[in-house]
């Protein structure tokens, strides 16, 4: 499932980041600590998603969230 389908407050593991060849997007997500094997939690959902990765919070738009494949921990 993608990050857009995540339940608030639940910890997930990132399975993969599928940016369909967009190196800039992949590099940006990697700089946030968003890569395979890392834990991620959706803290808030409104227009964008607020996620927690490695004790930091980031605001991610739905397009970025759809590139992040996750699984329940």
Protein backbone atom coordinates (compact mmCIF):
# COMPACT_ATOMS: atom_id res chain seq x y z
CA UNK A 1 0.00 0.00 0.00
CA UNK A 2 1.11 3.61 -0.38
CA UNK A 3 1.62 6.20 2.32
CA UNK A 4 -1.66 7.86 1.26
CA UNK A 5 -3.50 4.80 2.64
CA UNK A 6 -1.77 4.81 6.05
CA UNK A 7 -3.67 5.02 9.33
CA UNK A 8 -2.86 7.96 11.59
CA UNK A 9 -0.45 7.14 14.40
CA UNK A 10 0.48 3.65 13.19
CA UNK A 11 4.15 2.83 12.58
CA UNK A 12 4.94 1.45 9.13
CA UNK A 13 8.08 0.22 7.42
CA UNK A 14 9.00 1.67 4.04
CA UNK A 15 9.20 -1.15 1.50
CA UNK A 16 10.28 0.93 -1.50
CA UNK A 17 10.25 4.38 -3.03
CA UNK A 18 8.92 4.32 -6.59
CA UNK A 19 9.60 7.68 -8.25
CA UNK A 20 9.33 6.30 -11.82
CA UNK A 21 12.73 7.61 -12.87
CA UNK A 22 12.39 11.06 -11.25
CA UNK A 23 15.90 11.30 -9.80
CA UNK A 24 15.22 14.68 -8.19
CA UNK A 25 12.20 13.36 -6.26
CA UNK A 26 14.09 10.22 -5.23
CA UNK A 27 17.04 12.30 -4.02
CA UNK A 28 14.73 14.61 -2.07
CA UNK A 29 12.96 11.71 -0.32
CA UNK A 30 16.29 10.06 0.46
CA UNK A 31 17.52 13.32 2.04
CA UNK A 32 14.51 13.18 4.38
CA UNK A 33 15.52 9.68 5.47
CA UNK A 34 12.78 8.09 3.42
CA UNK A 35 14.25 4.85 2.09
CA UNK A 36 13.63 1.12 2.23
CA UNK A 37 13.65 -0.38 5.73
CA UNK A 38 13.07 2.93 7.56
CA UNK A 39 10.11 3.42 9.91
CA UNK A 40 7.52 6.09 9.10
CA UNK A 41 4.42 7.33 10.91
CA UNK A 42 1.64 9.58 9.58
CA UNK A 43 1.01 12.16 12.29
CA UNK A 44 -1.69 14.23 10.55
CA UNK A 45 -3.72 14.15 7.32
CA UNK A 46 -5.34 17.22 5.84
CA UNK A 47 -4.49 18.54 2.40
CA UNK A 48 -0.97 17.13 2.84
CA UNK A 49 0.43 14.47 5.15
CA UNK A 50 2.59 15.24 8.15
CA UNK A 51 4.94 12.31 8.67
CA UNK A 52 7.51 11.41 11.28
CA UNK A 53 10.79 9.90 10.09
CA UNK A 54 13.76 9.49 12.46
CA UNK A 55 12.32 11.85 15.10
CA UNK A 56 11.73 14.66 12.56
CA UNK A 57 8.42 15.78 11.05
CA UNK A 58 7.88 16.61 7.39
CA UNK A 59 4.95 17.86 5.33
CA UNK A 60 4.55 15.63 2.26
CA UNK A 61 2.10 16.25 -0.58
CA UNK A 62 -0.08 13.40 -1.95
CA UNK A 63 2.12 13.00 -5.05
CA UNK A 64 5.20 12.27 -2.93
CA UNK A 65 3.17 10.06 -0.58
CA UNK A 66 1.95 7.94 -3.51
CA UNK A 67 5.58 7.11 -4.39
CA UNK A 68 6.24 5.60 -0.95
CA UNK A 69 5.27 1.94 -0.56
CA UNK A 70 4.76 0.83 3.04
CA UNK A 71 3.81 -2.23 5.09
CA UNK A 72 2.55 -2.63 8.66
CA UNK A 73 5.28 -3.19 11.17
